[in-house]
């Protein structure tokens, strides 16, 4: 969805409030594809701050379906995004090279999907856990250790002691 900002960018002191529906159904990144389960309309306030520049403020609430990084259980991820960015007209963007990434602007129009995607990318959690003390899964049998202990031997010997372990396994005297 595109929101036309030509009035705001050309009229000094102009302020416009607008709600936009988000058409995005999932968030795709190199970590995977995360379905959007619930979403609110994107609430925008556009305010002209000088000729060709507008402040973009607003919020959106999104709930994603994801898996725990340790035990692979389903986990809802809720992002309540609040943003405050700068949008500029194409002629101002051509003059000023030090502006932030304006990939969400197409001429005088703001691309809502790209704008929200960029906000999600900047606010996505580094690690998704079902709970803070998640035990994960057993590396041998795959049992979810949060549900029950599997009893597998998970002892990992120190690799620096491998040579000594070989001597003991061969039955040699030291």
C-alpha atoms as a PDB file:
ATOM      1  CA  UNK A   1       0.000   0.000   0.000  1.00  0.00           C
ATOM      2  CA  UNK A   2       1.268   3.471  -0.874  1.00  0.00           C
ATOM      3  CA  UNK A   3       0.475   6.630   1.104  1.00  0.00           C
ATOM      4  CA  UNK A   4       0.711   9.890  -0.838  1.00  0.00           C
ATOM      5  CA  UNK A   5       2.808  12.478   1.035  1.00  0.00           C
ATOM      6  CA  UNK A   6       2.940  15.214  -1.609  1.00  0.00           C
ATOM      7  CA  UNK A   7       0.603  17.525   0.399  1.00  0.00           C
ATOM      8  CA  UNK A   8       2.603  17.083   3.592  1.00  0.00           C
ATOM      9  CA  UNK A   9       6.000  17.460   1.921  1.00  0.00           C
ATOM     10  CA  UNK A  10       5.022  20.681   0.117  1.00  0.00           C
ATOM     11  CA  UNK A  11       2.876  22.463   2.758  1.00  0.00           C
ATOM     12  CA  UNK A  12       4.729  24.108   5.640  1.00  0.00           C
ATOM     13  CA  UNK A  13       3.449  23.016   9.072  1.00  0.00           C
ATOM     14  CA  UNK A  14       0.926  20.553   7.626  1.00  0.00           C
ATOM     15  CA  UNK A  15       0.033  17.524   9.763  1.00  0.00           C
ATOM     16  CA  UNK A  16      -1.927  14.488   8.600  1.00  0.00           C
ATOM     17  CA  UNK A  17      -3.112  11.438  10.590  1.00  0.00           C
ATOM     18  CA  UNK A  18      -3.729   8.255   8.661  1.00  0.00           C
ATOM     19  CA  UNK A  19      -4.283   4.545   9.328  1.00  0.00           C
ATOM     20  CA  UNK A  20      -3.109   2.027   6.760  1.00  0.00           C
ATOM     21  CA  UNK A  21      -3.906  -1.672   6.557  1.00  0.00           C
ATOM     22  CA  UNK A  22      -0.886  -3.929   6.342  1.00  0.00           C
ATOM     23  CA  UNK A  23      -1.068  -6.455   3.498  1.00  0.00           C
ATOM     24  CA  UNK A  24       2.018  -8.386   4.673  1.00  0.00           C
ATOM     25  CA  UNK A  25       1.187 -11.953   5.801  1.00  0.00           C
ATOM     26  CA  UNK A  26       4.662 -13.069   6.902  1.00  0.00           C
ATOM     27  CA  UNK A  27       8.101 -11.716   7.734  1.00  0.00           C
ATOM     28  CA  UNK A  28      10.835 -13.326   5.626  1.00  0.00           C
ATOM     29  CA  UNK A  29      14.461 -13.092   6.610  1.00  0.00           C
ATOM     30  CA  UNK A  30      17.519 -15.314   6.449  1.00  0.00           C
ATOM     31  CA  UNK A  31      16.348 -16.799   9.784  1.00  0.00           C
ATOM     32  CA  UNK A  32      13.193 -18.116   8.127  1.00  0.00           C
ATOM     33  CA  UNK A  33       9.625 -17.162   7.345  1.00  0.00           C
ATOM     34  CA  UNK A  34       7.457 -16.108  10.282  1.00  0.00           C
ATOM     35  CA  UNK A  35       3.687 -15.980   9.743  1.00  0.00           C
ATOM     36  CA  UNK A  36       1.831 -12.934  11.064  1.00  0.00           C
ATOM     37  CA  UNK A  37      -1.016 -14.233  13.242  1.00  0.00           C
ATOM     38  CA  UNK A  38      -2.477 -10.868  14.333  1.00  0.00           C
ATOM     39  CA  UNK A  39      -1.894  -7.316  13.177  1.00  0.00           C
ATOM     40  CA  UNK A  40      -3.287  -3.899  13.889  1.00  0.00           C
ATOM     41  CA  UNK A  41      -3.607  -1.161  11.283  1.00  0.00           C
ATOM     42  CA  UNK A  42      -0.492   0.976  10.991  1.00  0.00           C
ATOM     43  CA  UNK A  43      -1.156   4.352  12.618  1.00  0.00           C
ATOM     44  CA  UNK A  44       0.749   7.245  11.026  1.00  0.00           C
ATOM     45  CA  UNK A  45       1.169  10.931  11.824  1.00  0.00           C
ATOM     46  CA  UNK A  46       2.950  12.892   9.100  1.00  0.00           C
ATOM     47  CA  UNK A  47       4.207  16.368  10.025  1.00  0.00           C
ATOM     48  CA  UNK A  48       5.959  18.804   7.687  1.00  0.00           C
ATOM     49  CA  UNK A  49       9.115  20.068   9.417  1.00  0.00           C
ATOM     50  CA  UNK A  50      10.556  22.054   6.493  1.00  0.00           C
ATOM     51  CA  UNK A  51      10.261  22.264   2.723  1.00  0.00           C
ATOM     52  CA  UNK A  52      10.485  18.716   1.316  1.00  0.00           C
ATOM     53  CA  UNK A  53      10.894  17.002   4.720  1.00  0.00           C
ATOM     54  CA  UNK A  54       8.291  15.318   6.917  1.00  0.00           C
ATOM     55  CA  UNK A  55       8.453  13.521  10.235  1.00  0.00           C
ATOM     56  CA  UNK A  56       6.814  10.085  10.164  1.00  0.00           C
ATOM     57  CA  UNK A  57       5.578   8.947  13.587  1.00  0.00           C
ATOM     58  CA  UNK A  58       3.327   6.072  14.473  1.00  0.00           C
ATOM     59  CA  UNK A  59       2.874   2.558  15.734  1.00  0.00           C
ATOM     60  CA  UNK A  60       1.758  -0.946  14.839  1.00  0.00           C
ATOM     61  CA  UNK A  61       1.252  -4.142  16.844  1.00  0.00           C
ATOM     62  CA  UNK A  62       2.164  -7.476  15.249  1.00  0.00           C
ATOM     63  CA  UNK A  63       2.066 -11.060  16.535  1.00  0.00           C
ATOM     64  CA  UNK A  64       4.146 -13.722  14.787  1.00  0.00           C
ATOM     65  CA  UNK A  65       4.196 -17.510  14.933  1.00  0.00           C
ATOM     66  CA  UNK A  66       7.747 -18.703  15.653  1.00  0.00           C
ATOM     67  CA  UNK A  67       9.669 -21.596  17.194  1.00  0.00           C
ATOM     68  CA  UNK A  68      11.862 -21.584  20.289  1.00  0.00           C
ATOM     69  CA  UNK A  69      15.530 -21.541  19.286  1.00  0.00           C
ATOM     70  CA  UNK A  70      16.369 -24.243  21.843  1.00  0.00           C
ATOM     71  CA  UNK A  71      13.443 -26.709  22.011  1.00  0.00           C
ATOM     72  CA  UNK A  72      11.512 -25.885  18.790  1.00  0.00           C
ATOM     73  CA  UNK A  73       8.199 -25.378  20.658  1.00  0.00           C
ATOM     74  CA  UNK A  74       5.725 -22.893  19.148  1.00  0.00           C
ATOM     75  CA  UNK A  75       6.183 -19.411  20.629  1.00  0.00           C
ATOM     76  CA  UNK A  76       4.179 -16.258  19.892  1.00  0.00           C
ATOM     77  CA  UNK A  77       6.421 -13.249  19.211  1.00  0.00           C
ATOM     78  CA  UNK A  78       4.699  -9.907  19.820  1.00  0.00           C
ATOM     79  CA  UNK A  79       6.255  -6.716  18.459  1.00  0.00           C
ATOM     80  CA  UNK A  80       4.788  -3.373  19.458  1.00  0.00           C
ATOM     81  CA  UNK A  81       6.600  -1.057  17.093  1.00  0.00           C
ATOM     82  CA  UNK A  82       6.766   2.687  17.666  1.00  0.00           C
ATOM     83  CA  UNK A  83       8.622   4.673  15.041  1.00  0.00           C
ATOM     84  CA  UNK A  84       9.864   8.200  14.423  1.00  0.00           C
ATOM     85  CA  UNK A  85      11.560   8.579  11.032  1.00  0.00           C
ATOM     86  CA  UNK A  86      12.229  11.237   8.436  1.00  0.00           C
ATOM     87  CA  UNK A  87      10.735  11.164   4.939  1.00  0.00           C
ATOM     88  CA  UNK A  88      11.940  13.495   2.202  1.00  0.00           C
ATOM     89  CA  UNK A  89      10.824  14.434  -1.269  1.00  0.00           C
ATOM     90  CA  UNK A  90      12.882  13.122  -4.220  1.00  0.00           C
ATOM     91  CA  UNK A  91      14.443  16.530  -4.966  1.00  0.00           C
ATOM     92  CA  UNK A  92      15.659  16.964  -1.364  1.00  0.00           C
ATOM     93  CA  UNK A  93      16.964  13.366  -1.283  1.00  0.00           C
ATOM     94  CA  UNK A  94      19.052  14.074  -4.398  1.00  0.00           C
ATOM     95  CA  UNK A  95      20.663  17.137  -2.742  1.00  0.00           C
ATOM     96  CA  UNK A  96      21.437  15.609   0.673  1.00  0.00           C
ATOM     97  CA  UNK A  97      23.669  12.548   0.669  1.00  0.00           C
ATOM     98  CA  UNK A  98      23.777  12.038   4.464  1.00  0.00           C
ATOM     99  CA  UNK A  99      20.154  10.969   4.839  1.00  0.00           C
ATOM    100  CA  UNK A 100      19.165   7.636   6.391  1.00  0.00           C
ATOM    101  CA  UNK A 101      18.019   4.774   4.199  1.00  0.00           C
ATOM    102  CA  UNK A 102      14.915   5.976   2.362  1.00  0.00           C
ATOM    103  CA  UNK A 103      14.087   2.720   0.564  1.00  0.00           C
ATOM    104  CA  UNK A 104      10.496   3.057   1.808  1.00  0.00           C
ATOM    105  CA  UNK A 105       9.905   6.159  -0.358  1.00  0.00           C
ATOM    106  CA  UNK A 106       8.774   5.905  -3.981  1.00  0.00           C
ATOM    107  CA  UNK A 107       8.818   9.459  -5.215  1.00  0.00           C
ATOM    108  CA  UNK A 108       6.301  11.347  -3.064  1.00  0.00           C
ATOM    109  CA  UNK A 109       4.704   8.139  -1.760  1.00  0.00           C
ATOM    110  CA  UNK A 110       5.549   6.078   1.311  1.00  0.00           C
ATOM    111  CA  UNK A 111       5.471   2.297   0.780  1.00  0.00           C
ATOM    112  CA  UNK A 112       3.828   0.983   3.981  1.00  0.00           C
ATOM    113  CA  UNK A 113       4.967  -2.633   3.454  1.00  0.00           C
ATOM    114  CA  UNK A 114       8.644  -1.715   3.019  1.00  0.00           C
ATOM    115  CA  UNK A 115       8.484   0.759   5.899  1.00  0.00           C
ATOM    116  CA  UNK A 116       7.042  -1.818   8.331  1.00  0.00           C
ATOM    117  CA  UNK A 117       9.411  -4.539   7.058  1.00  0.00           C
ATOM    118  CA  UNK A 118      12.396  -2.281   7.870  1.00  0.00           C
ATOM    119  CA  UNK A 119      10.988  -1.604  11.351  1.00  0.00           C
ATOM    120  CA  UNK A 120      10.499  -5.341  12.004  1.00  0.00           C
ATOM    121  CA  UNK A 121      14.040  -6.079  10.829  1.00  0.00           C
ATOM    122  CA  UNK A 122      15.464  -3.505  13.240  1.00  0.00           C
ATOM    123  CA  UNK A 123      13.429  -4.773  16.199  1.00  0.00           C
ATOM    124  CA  UNK A 124      13.443  -8.557  15.654  1.00  0.00           C
ATOM    125  CA  UNK A 125      14.711 -10.414  18.761  1.00  0.00           C
ATOM    126  CA  UNK A 126      18.180 -11.971  18.510  1.00  0.00           C
ATOM    127  CA  UNK A 127      16.994 -15.172  20.202  1.00  0.00           C
ATOM    128  CA  UNK A 128      13.449 -16.504  20.559  1.00  0.00           C
ATOM    129  CA  UNK A 129      12.894 -18.613  23.673  1.00  0.00           C
ATOM    130  CA  UNK A 130       9.745 -20.271  25.039  1.00  0.00           C
ATOM    131  CA  UNK A 131      10.972 -19.342  28.519  1.00  0.00           C
ATOM    132  CA  UNK A 132      14.149 -17.900  29.986  1.00  0.00           C
ATOM    133  CA  UNK A 133      15.363 -21.223  31.444  1.00  0.00           C
ATOM    134  CA  UNK A 134      14.556 -23.408  28.400  1.00  0.00           C
ATOM    135  CA  UNK A 135      16.616 -26.617  28.529  1.00  0.00           C
ATOM    136  CA  UNK A 136      16.368 -27.364  24.808  1.00  0.00           C
ATOM    137  CA  UNK A 137      16.390 -30.842  23.267  1.00  0.00           C
ATOM    138  CA  UNK A 138      18.656 -33.826  23.903  1.00  0.00           C
ATOM    139  CA  UNK A 139      21.423 -33.977  21.276  1.00  0.00           C
ATOM    140  CA  UNK A 140      21.245 -37.788  21.212  1.00  0.00           C
ATOM    141  CA  UNK A 141      17.542 -38.734  21.217  1.00  0.00           C
ATOM    142  CA  UNK A 142      15.789 -35.411  20.496  1.00  0.00           C
ATOM    143  CA  UNK A 143      13.610 -35.431  23.643  1.00  0.00           C
ATOM    144  CA  UNK A 144      12.334 -32.000  24.736  1.00  0.00           C
ATOM    145  CA  UNK A 145      14.113 -31.636  28.095  1.00  0.00           C
ATOM    146  CA  UNK A 146      11.512 -29.144  29.350  1.00  0.00           C
ATOM    147  CA  UNK A 147       8.902 -31.945  29.335  1.00  0.00           C
ATOM    148  CA  UNK A 148      11.015 -34.740  30.839  1.00  0.00           C
ATOM    149  CA  UNK A 149      14.604 -35.880  31.237  1.00  0.00           C
ATOM    150  CA  UNK A 150      15.566 -38.635  28.788  1.00  0.00           C
ATOM    151  CA  UNK A 151      18.432 -40.213  30.745  1.00  0.00           C
ATOM    152  CA  UNK A 152      20.889 -40.183  27.831  1.00  0.00           C
ATOM    153  CA  UNK A 153      24.594 -39.904  28.649  1.00  0.00           C
ATOM    154  CA  UNK A 154      25.459 -36.369  27.550  1.00  0.00           C
ATOM    155  CA  UNK A 155      28.993 -36.321  28.999  1.00  0.00           C
ATOM    156  CA  UNK A 156      31.393 -34.714  26.543  1.00  0.00           C
ATOM    157  CA  UNK A 157      35.058 -35.350  27.397  1.00  0.00           C
ATOM    158  CA  UNK A 158      37.627 -32.598  27.143  1.00  0.00           C
ATOM    159  CA  UNK A 159      39.238 -32.910  23.699  1.00  0.00           C
ATOM    160  CA  UNK A 160      42.634 -31.960  25.172  1.00  0.00           C
ATOM    161  CA  UNK A 161      42.580 -35.217  27.139  1.00  0.00           C
ATOM    162  CA  UNK A 162      41.900 -37.434  24.089  1.00  0.00           C
ATOM    163  CA  UNK A 163      45.469 -38.760  23.913  1.00  0.00           C
ATOM    164  CA  UNK A 164      45.404 -39.851  27.551  1.00  0.00           C
ATOM    165  CA  UNK A 165      41.951 -41.411  27.068  1.00  0.00           C
ATOM    166  CA  UNK A 166      43.334 -43.444  24.137  1.00  0.00           C
ATOM    167  CA  UNK A 167      46.093 -44.816  26.394  1.00  0.00           C
ATOM    168  CA  UNK A 168      43.569 -45.912  29.020  1.00  0.00           C
ATOM    169  CA  UNK A 169      41.284 -47.470  26.414  1.00  0.00           C
ATOM    170  CA  UNK A 170      44.204 -49.460  24.941  1.00  0.00           C
ATOM    171  CA  UNK A 171      45.015 -50.927  28.386  1.00  0.00           C
ATOM    172  CA  UNK A 172      48.564 -49.624  28.408  1.00  0.00           C
ATOM    173  CA  UNK A 173      50.376 -48.625  31.555  1.00  0.00           C
ATOM    174  CA  UNK A 174      51.548 -45.090  32.064  1.00  0.00           C
END
